[in-house]
Amino acid sequence: MSNTIAVREFDLRVLNMRTRIPFRYGIATLEALPHLFVRVTLELNGAVHTGTAADGLPPKWFTKNPDTSFEDDLGEMRNVIENACGLATGMGRADCPFDVWREVYDRQTAWAQSRKYPPLLASFGVSLVERAVIDAFCKAKATPFSAALRANTLGIRLNEIHPELASARPSDLLPQQPLRSVIARHTVGLGDPLTESDIAAKDKVDDGLPQSLEACIRAYGLTHFKIKLCGDANRDLPRLRQLAGIIREQTRGEFAFTLDGNEQFHSVEGFQKLWQSVVDDSSLQPFLDKLIFVEQPFHRDVALAEPLVSSLRGWDQRPPMIIDESDGTLDALPRALASGYNGTSHKNCKGIFKGIANACLIAHRKKTDASREYILSGEDLANVGPVALLQDLAAAANFGIPHVERNGHHYFRGLSMFAKETQETVLSCHGDLYCRHELGFVTLKIEAGRIELGSVIDAPFGCGVEMQTEGLTPLVEWKFESLRA
């Protein structure tokens, strides 16, 4: 059955969120951010439906420019989001959600280039539009995302993104069924305390949730970790030694981990030097045996460019590596694979349809090339529910990603920033994903290191709750100064 789709309007609302502990990554430290809800009114075959997307607006991820302020960065994020929404409402009718995305993406790309906005930032605005449209479409069809993806009622044409996929459909390459649980890969931020004794009395958070790494391992039964590097061997090596001891002891040796280079290096030689110091440390050898991959060690400005690419290809003993922040354009993944990387990350903020195509390309390469390892990971800055986290988990599960970095539940106090009524509604709908903390607030449930996703998979697009955003601050009225309140 053909469809006629028209995007009628968007409603953008903001909820300020403050972290329970600072989250240091790269050149930024996150302590507070606006969390944006994007609600779309979609006309499908003459009937009106609504859909919602959401995301935090973090400092120094979409643009890692040390010379701009967080307020400047937020202004740019707001510009790309509002422009993408305007393009969607002004485009007229389409036949499927993929066509909505394609036109908005192409026009946003041209607009962003004229204003010198980087592709990663421009795509963020488009991703919120496509997430909201997919949510509305799945609700209108009364079908979960997994079914719409595999039946391709979304209208995806993979070859428009990756030509080598030719006439393949998502169902030809993705797992037959989505995962109904995933392993939580816990982030160890650069400023995070590793033991209880590392926490100064003035920094102790008494809110019912674990704070140190060792406490988190005990509380959640963690087995997978993401360790952020600062890029300085004098600091990284002692920290890795301490981490190795804690993780091996707390998990009884049953663990795996990734390293996040946070774009710290501008040359292969710089990272090689650090990596060699790690490899040469005999005390770290048993720990390194559990390494899955290294994420984006090179700055996005040089990671896919010469002369770095030639040096990377010539490094025979390099560890498995993926791109993350360099994945700003539709051709970034095939370029990365040709440059010697093993894959990329998926984050909904980089785009759903792009993520689907990337997952299919990785699956295609695994089938056709057994000579190397191909990786699609699931990464997360500080994603929280009840919309953004669930939609991201829905995508990762449908792509068959077995372990995903999750840390929003650690840096934020569950869903305690939302009204009690909202928390109760989420808990009643997603009782496998959330639980009630003994102090009364609702928080993510991680048991034996795993997150159960049955209710997420069965929902239209991750979230089974109809979010009531009317009481939140309209984006047009939101002020940066309110973050300091």
Protein backbone atom coordinates (compact mmCIF):
# COMPACT_ATOMS: atom_id res chain seq x y z
CA MET A 1 0.00 0.00 0.00
CA SER A 2 1.40 3.39 -0.97
CA ASN A 3 1.45 6.24 1.51
CA THR A 4 1.13 9.97 1.34
CA ILE A 5 3.08 11.73 4.08
CA ALA A 6 3.19 15.41 4.96
CA VAL A 7 4.99 16.95 7.93
CA ARG A 8 2.68 19.61 9.31
CA GLU A 9 4.42 21.15 12.33
CA PHE A 10 6.94 20.72 15.12
CA ASP A 11 6.80 21.62 18.77
CA LEU A 12 10.20 22.02 20.46
CA ARG A 13 10.41 21.94 24.26
CA VAL A 14 13.33 21.92 26.71
CA LEU A 15 13.95 20.40 30.12
CA ASN A 16 17.18 21.44 31.87
CA MET A 17 19.11 18.55 33.40
CA ARG A 18 21.98 18.61 35.86
CA THR A 19 24.40 15.74 36.32
CA ARG A 20 24.75 14.09 39.71
CA ILE A 21 28.53 14.00 39.16
CA PRO A 22 30.63 15.80 36.53
CA PHE A 23 31.33 13.84 33.34
CA ARG A 24 34.70 14.67 31.81
CA TYR A 25 35.29 13.61 28.21
CA GLY A 26 37.90 15.03 25.84
CA ILE A 27 38.09 18.80 26.25
CA ALA A 28 34.68 19.11 27.93
CA THR A 29 33.15 18.50 31.32
CA LEU A 30 29.40 18.02 31.41
CA GLU A 31 27.58 19.31 34.48
CA ALA A 32 24.29 20.58 33.02
CA LEU A 33 22.58 20.62 29.65
CA PRO A 34 19.22 21.27 28.02
CA HIS A 35 17.35 18.11 26.99
CA LEU A 36 15.26 18.80 23.91
CA PHE A 37 11.96 17.14 22.98
CA VAL A 38 10.91 17.38 19.34
CA ARG A 39 7.26 16.60 18.72
CA VAL A 40 6.04 16.28 15.13
CA THR A 41 2.53 16.42 13.72
CA LEU A 42 2.46 14.09 10.73
CA GLU A 43 -0.31 13.63 8.22
CA LEU A 44 -0.41 10.08 6.85
CA ASN A 45 -3.02 9.22 4.22
CA GLY A 46 -5.19 12.07 5.44
CA ALA A 47 -5.07 11.19 9.16
CA VAL A 48 -3.05 13.16 11.70
CA HIS A 49 -0.56 11.48 14.04
CA THR A 50 2.17 12.65 16.40
CA GLY A 51 5.66 11.39 17.10
CA THR A 52 8.44 12.40 19.47
CA ALA A 53 12.22 12.46 19.46
CA ALA A 54 14.56 13.77 22.13
CA ASP A 55 18.22 14.34 22.86
CA GLY A 56 20.57 16.14 25.18
CA LEU A 57 22.48 19.09 23.74
CA PRO A 58 26.02 18.47 25.03
CA PRO A 59 29.12 20.67 24.93
CA LYS A 60 32.03 19.93 22.58
CA TRP A 61 30.84 16.83 20.77
CA PHE A 62 29.29 17.99 17.50
CA THR A 63 31.93 20.70 17.23
CA LYS A 64 35.12 20.14 19.22
CA ASN A 65 36.28 23.74 19.01
CA PRO A 66 38.11 24.88 22.17
CA ASP A 67 37.68 28.54 21.22
CA THR A 68 33.87 28.60 21.45
CA SER A 69 31.74 28.68 24.57
CA PHE A 70 29.00 26.21 25.45
CA GLU A 71 26.51 29.01 24.83
CA ASP A 72 27.93 29.43 21.31
CA ASP A 73 27.71 25.70 20.69
CA LEU A 74 24.11 25.61 21.84
CA GLY A 75 23.24 28.43 19.47
CA GLU A 76 24.61 26.41 16.56
CA MET A 77 22.78 23.26 17.67
CA ARG A 78 19.56 25.21 17.90
CA ASN A 79 20.10 26.64 14.41
CA VAL A 80 20.56 23.25 12.75
CA ILE A 81 17.59 21.74 14.57
CA GLU A 82 15.21 24.58 13.75
CA ASN A 83 16.39 24.68 10.14
CA ALA A 84 15.84 20.94 9.68
CA CYS A 85 12.34 21.24 11.15
CA GLY A 86 11.59 24.12 8.79
CA LEU A 87 12.80 22.14 5.80
CA ALA A 88 10.57 19.21 6.74
CA THR A 89 7.43 21.29 7.12
CA GLY A 90 8.14 23.12 3.87
CA MET A 91 8.86 20.13 1.65
CA GLY A 92 5.33 19.12 0.65
CA ARG A 93 4.20 15.51 0.36
CA ALA A 94 6.34 12.37 0.30
CA ASP A 95 5.74 8.68 -0.23
CA CYS A 96 7.63 7.28 2.77
CA PRO A 97 9.72 8.33 5.80
CA PHE A 98 12.94 7.65 3.87
CA ASP A 99 11.91 10.23 1.26
CA VAL A 100 11.29 12.80 4.01
CA TRP A 101 14.75 12.13 5.39
CA ARG A 102 16.43 12.21 1.97
CA GLU A 103 15.08 15.62 1.00
CA VAL A 104 15.67 17.18 4.41
CA TYR A 105 19.18 15.71 4.55
CA ASP A 106 20.17 16.97 1.11
CA ARG A 107 18.81 20.47 1.67
CA GLN A 108 20.26 20.67 5.20
CA THR A 109 23.67 19.61 3.87
CA ALA A 110 23.69 22.38 1.25
CA TRP A 111 22.48 24.94 3.79
CA ALA A 112 25.10 23.88 6.36
CA GLN A 113 27.93 24.04 3.83
CA SER A 114 27.02 27.61 2.98
CA ARG A 115 27.31 28.51 6.67
CA LYS A 116 30.40 26.35 7.34
CA TYR A 117 28.58 24.12 9.83
CA PRO A 118 30.34 20.72 10.05
CA PRO A 119 28.43 17.67 8.75
CA LEU A 120 28.16 16.01 12.16
CA LEU A 121 26.37 19.06 13.52
CA ALA A 122 24.12 19.48 10.49
CA SER A 123 23.10 15.81 10.63
CA PHE A 124 22.09 16.16 14.27
CA GLY A 125 19.22 18.43 13.29
CA VAL A 126 18.13 16.02 10.57
CA SER A 127 18.31 13.06 12.96
CA LEU A 128 15.78 14.59 15.34
CA VAL A 129 13.39 15.13 12.43
CA GLU A 130 13.72 11.58 11.14
CA ARG A 131 13.39 10.05 14.62
CA ALA A 132 10.17 11.94 15.27
CA VAL A 133 8.80 11.07 11.83
CA ILE A 134 9.65 7.36 12.26
CA ASP A 135 7.97 7.37 15.68
CA ALA A 136 4.80 8.96 14.25
CA PHE A 137 4.81 6.60 11.26
CA CYS A 138 5.16 3.48 13.40
CA LYS A 139 2.40 4.68 15.72
CA ALA A 140 0.15 5.40 12.74
CA LYS A 141 0.78 1.93 11.33
CA ALA A 142 0.46 0.31 14.78
CA THR A 143 3.70 -1.54 14.11
CA PRO A 144 7.01 -1.69 15.98
CA PHE A 145 10.16 -0.28 14.41
CA SER A 146 11.57 -3.80 13.98
CA ALA A 147 8.66 -4.85 11.75
CA ALA A 148 8.67 -1.61 9.76
CA LEU A 149 12.42 -1.99 9.23
CA ARG A 150 12.28 -5.58 8.03
CA ALA A 151 9.17 -5.14 5.88
CA ASN A 152 10.73 -1.90 4.62
CA THR A 153 7.54 0.07 4.94
CA LEU A 154 9.93 2.93 5.80
CA GLY A 155 10.91 2.92 2.11
CA ILE A 156 14.67 2.55 2.61
CA ARG A 157 16.84 2.44 -0.50
CA LEU A 158 20.21 1.28 0.78
CA ASN A 159 22.02 1.83 -2.51
CA GLU A 160 21.39 5.57 -2.29
CA ILE A 161 23.64 5.63 0.76
CA HIS A 162 26.07 2.81 -0.01
CA PRO A 163 26.01 1.93 -3.73
CA GLU A 164 27.76 -1.41 -3.18
CA LEU A 165 24.61 -2.68 -1.44
CA ALA A 166 22.90 -2.53 -4.85
CA SER A 167 19.35 -3.92 -4.63
CA ALA A 168 19.67 -5.29 -1.07
CA ARG A 169 16.94 -4.61 1.46
CA PRO A 170 17.50 -4.22 5.20
CA SER A 171 15.94 -7.64 5.82
CA ASP A 172 18.61 -9.23 3.60
CA LEU A 173 21.43 -8.08 5.86
CA LEU A 174 20.13 -7.32 9.36
CA PRO A 175 19.45 -10.05 11.95
CA GLN A 176 16.11 -11.81 11.42
CA GLN A 177 14.97 -10.58 14.84
CA PRO A 178 16.16 -7.74 17.09
CA LEU A 179 17.98 -8.52 20.31
CA ARG A 180 15.72 -8.44 23.34
CA SER A 181 18.54 -7.70 25.77
CA VAL A 182 21.99 -6.13 25.48
CA ILE A 183 25.09 -5.88 27.65
CA ALA A 184 25.67 -2.47 29.23
CA ARG A 185 29.20 -1.20 28.57
CA HIS A 186 29.96 1.20 31.42
CA THR A 187 31.87 4.41 30.72
CA VAL A 188 34.81 5.29 32.94
CA GLY A 189 35.14 9.04 32.48
CA LEU A 190 38.43 10.86 32.85
CA GLY A 191 37.41 12.34 36.19
CA ASP A 192 35.49 9.38 37.58
CA PRO A 193 36.58 7.93 40.94
CA LEU A 194 37.67 4.31 40.66
CA THR A 195 37.43 3.34 44.33
CA GLU A 196 35.49 4.64 47.32
CA SER A 197 38.73 6.01 48.77
CA ASP A 198 39.17 8.15 45.65
CA ILE A 199 36.09 10.22 46.59
CA ALA A 200 36.83 13.26 48.72
CA ALA A 201 34.28 13.97 51.41
CA LYS A 202 33.18 17.19 49.65
CA ASP A 203 32.58 15.27 46.40
CA LYS A 204 30.59 12.42 47.89
CA VAL A 205 27.11 12.14 46.36
CA ASP A 206 24.51 10.75 48.72
CA ASP A 207 21.62 10.07 46.36
CA GLY A 208 21.23 6.31 46.55
CA LEU A 209 23.20 5.47 43.40
CA PRO A 210 26.77 4.12 43.16
CA GLN A 211 29.51 6.64 42.46
CA SER A 212 32.85 4.86 42.20
CA LEU A 213 33.64 2.31 39.51
CA GLU A 214 33.98 -0.53 42.01
CA ALA A 215 30.59 0.36 43.51
CA CYS A 216 29.00 0.44 40.04
CA ILE A 217 30.40 -3.00 39.21
CA ARG A 218 28.92 -4.43 42.39
CA ALA A 219 25.56 -2.68 42.00
CA TYR A 220 24.96 -3.55 38.34
CA GLY A 221 27.03 -6.71 37.88
CA LEU A 222 29.01 -4.98 35.12
CA THR A 223 31.24 -6.97 32.78
CA HIS A 224 31.90 -4.53 29.89
CA PHE A 225 33.61 -1.15 30.10
CA LYS A 226 34.58 1.87 28.02
CA ILE A 227 37.73 3.56 29.29
CA LYS A 228 38.51 7.09 28.21
CA LEU A 229 42.13 8.04 27.54
CA CYS A 230 43.62 11.47 28.08
CA GLY A 231 46.47 10.88 25.60
CA ASP A 232 49.34 11.31 28.08
CA ALA A 233 51.21 8.10 28.94
CA ASN A 234 52.31 9.51 32.30
CA ARG A 235 48.67 9.73 33.32
CA ASP A 236 47.08 6.98 31.25
CA LEU A 237 49.41 4.14 32.25
CA PRO A 238 49.02 4.39 36.05
CA ARG A 239 45.27 4.76 35.61
CA LEU A 240 45.08 1.73 33.31
CA ARG A 241 47.05 -0.33 35.80
CA GLN A 242 44.65 0.61 38.58
CA LEU A 243 41.66 -0.04 36.36
CA ALA A 244 43.00 -3.41 35.32
CA GLY A 245 43.34 -4.47 38.93
CA ILE A 246 39.88 -3.28 39.94
CA ILE A 247 38.08 -4.76 36.92
CA ARG A 248 39.85 -8.12 37.08
CA GLU A 249 39.14 -8.46 40.80
CA GLN A 250 35.54 -7.23 40.76
CA THR A 251 34.52 -9.28 37.70
CA ARG A 252 36.65 -12.34 38.56
CA GLY A 253 38.29 -12.02 35.20
CA GLU A 254 35.07 -12.16 33.16
CA PHE A 255 35.16 -8.83 31.35
CA ALA A 256 35.80 -6.97 28.09
CA PHE A 257 36.55 -3.33 27.38
CA THR A 258 37.05 -0.62 24.77
CA LEU A 259 39.34 2.40 24.83
CA ASP A 260 38.16 5.85 23.76
CA GLY A 261 40.91 8.04 22.35
CA ASN A 262 38.70 11.16 22.44
CA GLU A 263 40.39 12.61 19.32
CA GLN A 264 43.53 13.33 21.34
CA PHE A 265 46.01 12.68 18.53
CA HIS A 266 46.77 14.48 15.27
CA SER A 267 49.19 11.89 13.91
CA VAL A 268 49.51 8.12 13.83
CA GLU A 269 52.98 8.46 15.36
CA GLY A 270 51.56 10.22 18.42
CA PHE A 271 49.10 7.44 19.14
CA GLN A 272 51.64 4.75 18.25
CA LYS A 273 53.93 6.07 20.97
CA LEU A 274 51.20 5.87 23.60
CA TRP A 275 50.02 2.48 22.35
CA GLN A 276 53.52 1.04 22.43
CA SER A 277 53.97 2.16 26.02
CA VAL A 278 50.75 0.32 26.90
CA VAL A 279 51.74 -2.83 25.01
CA ASP A 280 55.23 -2.82 26.55
CA ASP A 281 53.82 -2.71 30.09
CA SER A 282 53.95 -6.40 31.09
CA SER A 283 51.49 -5.86 33.93
CA LEU A 284 48.82 -4.83 31.40
CA GLN A 285 49.19 -7.81 29.05
CA PRO A 286 46.41 -9.96 30.56
CA PHE A 287 44.16 -6.91 30.58
CA LEU A 288 44.85 -6.03 26.93
CA ASP A 289 43.79 -9.52 25.89
CA LYS A 290 40.21 -8.39 26.64
CA LEU A 291 40.35 -5.26 24.44
CA ILE A 292 37.55 -5.10 21.84
CA PHE A 293 38.61 -1.96 19.95
CA VAL A 294 39.96 1.57 20.23
CA GLU A 295 37.50 4.36 19.41
CA GLN A 296 38.49 7.51 17.48
CA PRO A 297 42.04 8.18 18.71
CA PHE A 298 42.63 10.75 15.94
CA HIS A 299 41.11 14.20 15.68
CA ARG A 300 38.21 14.40 13.24
CA ASP A 301 40.04 17.00 11.15
CA VAL A 302 42.76 14.49 10.15
CA ALA A 303 41.38 11.01 10.84
CA LEU A 304 40.24 10.33 7.26
CA ALA A 305 42.76 12.54 5.45
CA GLU A 306 46.27 12.21 4.10
CA PRO A 307 48.96 11.82 5.28
CA LEU A 308 47.44 10.16 8.36
CA VAL A 309 45.58 7.53 6.31
CA SER A 310 48.76 6.30 4.60
CA SER A 311 50.52 6.05 7.95
CA LEU A 312 47.59 4.16 9.43
CA ARG A 313 47.50 1.62 6.59
CA GLY A 314 51.22 1.09 7.04
CA TRP A 315 50.90 0.28 10.75
CA ASP A 316 50.71 -3.52 10.69
CA GLN A 317 50.40 -4.00 14.45
CA ARG A 318 47.62 -1.48 15.01
CA PRO A 319 44.79 -2.48 17.34
CA PRO A 320 41.23 -2.71 15.98
CA MET A 321 40.00 0.87 15.57
CA ILE A 322 36.70 2.55 14.74
CA ILE A 323 35.69 6.11 13.94
CA ASP A 324 33.07 8.02 15.90
CA GLU A 325 33.25 11.81 15.60
CA SER A 326 34.65 11.42 12.06
CA ASP A 327 31.42 9.74 10.99
CA GLY A 328 29.71 12.93 9.83
CA THR A 329 28.88 12.17 6.19
CA LEU A 330 27.11 9.35 4.37
CA ASP A 331 30.37 8.11 2.85
CA ALA A 332 32.40 8.26 6.07
CA LEU A 333 32.14 4.54 6.86
CA PRO A 334 33.35 3.20 3.48
CA ARG A 335 36.11 5.82 3.53
CA ALA A 336 37.11 4.68 7.03
CA LEU A 337 37.16 1.03 6.01
CA ALA A 338 39.34 1.86 3.02
CA SER A 339 41.65 3.83 5.35
CA GLY A 340 42.32 0.91 7.67
CA TYR A 341 39.69 1.36 10.36
CA ASN A 342 37.49 -1.59 11.28
CA GLY A 343 34.17 0.22 11.45
CA THR A 344 32.19 2.95 13.13
CA SER A 345 29.83 3.66 15.99
CA HIS A 346 26.09 4.00 15.86
CA LYS A 347 24.41 6.83 17.73
CA ASN A 348 20.90 7.98 16.88
CA CYS A 349 22.17 11.56 16.91
CA LYS A 350 24.15 10.73 13.76
CA GLY A 351 21.03 9.53 11.96
CA ILE A 352 18.71 6.53 11.83
CA PHE A 353 18.65 5.85 8.09
CA LYS A 354 22.40 6.35 7.92
CA GLY A 355 22.77 3.97 10.86
CA ILE A 356 20.60 1.36 9.13
CA ALA A 357 22.71 1.62 5.97
CA ASN A 358 25.94 1.42 7.98
CA ALA A 359 24.72 -1.68 9.82
CA CYS A 360 23.85 -3.26 6.49
CA LEU A 361 27.23 -2.34 4.99
CA ILE A 362 29.10 -3.88 7.94
CA ALA A 363 26.97 -7.05 7.61
CA HIS A 364 27.63 -7.15 3.87
CA ARG A 365 31.38 -6.80 4.36
CA LYS A 366 31.38 -9.56 6.99
CA LYS A 367 29.71 -11.87 4.48
CA THR A 368 31.95 -10.99 1.56
CA ASP A 369 35.35 -10.40 3.19
CA ALA A 370 36.63 -12.80 5.84
CA SER A 371 40.14 -11.33 5.72
CA ARG A 372 39.53 -8.67 8.37
CA GLU A 373 37.36 -7.72 11.32
CA TYR A 374 34.39 -5.41 10.81
CA ILE A 375 32.83 -3.58 13.76
CA LEU A 376 29.64 -1.64 14.39
CA SER A 377 29.50 -0.44 17.98
CA GLY A 378 26.86 1.27 20.07
CA GLU A 379 28.08 4.42 21.84
CA ASP A 380 26.39 6.97 24.06
CA LEU A 381 27.36 10.33 25.50
CA ALA A 382 24.86 10.70 28.34
CA ASN A 383 21.57 9.49 26.90
CA VAL A 384 18.54 9.33 29.20
CA GLY A 385 14.93 8.22 28.86
CA PRO A 386 12.10 8.20 28.50
CA VAL A 387 12.49 8.86 24.74
CA ALA A 388 16.11 9.34 23.59
CA LEU A 389 17.62 6.36 25.42
CA LEU A 390 14.83 4.00 24.39
CA GLN A 391 14.96 4.93 20.72
CA ASP A 392 18.73 4.51 20.72
CA LEU A 393 18.44 1.09 22.33
CA ALA A 394 15.77 0.11 19.80
CA ALA A 395 18.12 0.93 16.93
CA ALA A 396 21.11 -0.87 18.46
CA ALA A 397 19.05 -3.99 19.19
CA ASN A 398 17.70 -4.08 15.64
CA PHE A 399 21.22 -3.79 14.26
CA GLY A 400 22.31 -6.74 16.41
CA ILE A 401 24.86 -4.78 18.47
CA PRO A 402 25.42 -7.04 21.50
CA HIS A 403 26.91 -4.52 23.92
CA VAL A 404 26.30 -0.78 24.03
CA GLU A 405 27.92 2.00 25.97
CA ARG A 406 25.35 3.37 28.42
CA ASN A 407 26.16 6.00 30.99
CA GLY A 408 23.20 8.39 31.26
CA HIS A 409 21.87 6.43 34.23
CA HIS A 410 25.22 6.96 35.97
CA TYR A 411 25.74 10.67 35.33
CA PHE A 412 22.07 11.53 35.87
CA ARG A 413 19.87 10.32 38.73
CA GLY A 414 17.57 8.04 36.79
CA LEU A 415 14.34 9.77 35.73
CA SER A 416 14.19 11.88 38.88
CA MET A 417 14.23 15.11 36.84
CA PHE A 418 10.76 14.25 35.49
CA ALA A 419 7.44 14.62 37.27
CA LYS A 420 6.43 11.67 39.42
CA GLU A 421 3.47 10.98 37.13
CA THR A 422 5.79 10.66 34.14
CA GLN A 423 8.10 8.32 36.04
CA GLU A 424 5.17 6.11 37.02
CA THR A 425 3.87 5.96 33.47
CA VAL A 426 7.29 4.96 32.16
CA LEU A 427 7.66 2.30 34.85
CA SER A 428 4.25 0.80 34.11
CA CYS A 429 5.02 0.60 30.38
CA HIS A 430 8.70 -0.38 30.57
CA GLY A 431 8.95 -2.46 33.74
CA ASP A 432 11.67 -4.63 32.24
CA LEU A 433 13.88 -1.62 31.45
CA TYR A 434 13.22 0.49 34.55
CA CYS A 435 12.75 -0.17 38.23
CA ARG A 436 11.77 1.82 41.29
CA HIS A 437 14.73 2.71 43.46
CA GLU A 438 14.29 2.18 47.18
CA LEU A 439 14.29 5.98 47.54
CA GLY A 440 11.24 6.24 45.30
CA PHE A 441 12.54 7.53 41.95
CA VAL A 442 12.55 5.45 38.77
CA THR A 443 15.90 4.42 37.32
CA LEU A 444 17.39 2.14 34.68
CA LYS A 445 17.49 -1.54 35.61
CA ILE A 446 20.82 -3.25 34.96
CA GLU A 447 21.14 -6.76 36.35
CA ALA A 448 24.12 -9.07 35.79
CA GLY A 449 25.42 -6.36 33.46
CA ARG A 450 22.47 -6.65 31.07
CA ILE A 451 19.57 -4.43 30.03
CA GLU A 452 16.26 -6.11 29.12
CA LEU A 453 14.60 -4.62 26.04
CA GLY A 454 11.39 -6.54 25.40
CA SER A 455 9.10 -3.56 25.97
CA VAL A 456 11.41 -1.34 23.90
CA ILE A 457 11.31 -3.73 20.94
CA ASP A 458 7.54 -4.12 21.13
CA ALA A 459 6.87 -0.35 21.26
CA PRO A 460 6.37 1.66 18.03
CA PHE A 461 9.86 3.16 18.16
CA GLY A 462 11.42 2.30 21.48
CA CYS A 463 9.21 4.38 23.74
CA GLY A 464 5.75 3.06 24.54
CA VAL A 465 4.78 6.19 26.45
CA GLU A 466 3.01 9.17 24.90
CA MET A 467 5.17 11.91 26.36
CA GLN A 468 3.33 14.97 27.64
CA THR A 469 5.71 17.83 26.89
CA GLU A 470 3.29 20.77 27.14
CA GLY A 471 4.57 21.72 30.59
CA LEU A 472 8.18 22.04 29.43
CA THR A 473 9.83 25.28 28.31
CA PRO A 474 9.30 26.14 24.63
CA LEU A 475 12.68 26.33 22.90
CA VAL A 476 11.92 29.85 21.65
CA GLU A 477 11.60 30.99 25.28
CA TRP A 478 14.54 29.03 26.72
CA LYS A 479 17.55 31.04 27.95
CA PHE A 480 21.09 29.81 28.46
CA GLU A 481 21.19 31.48 31.88
CA SER A 482 18.54 29.03 33.10
CA LEU A 483 21.19 26.27 33.13
CA ARG A 484 22.94 28.08 35.98
CA ALA A 485 19.83 28.13 38.16
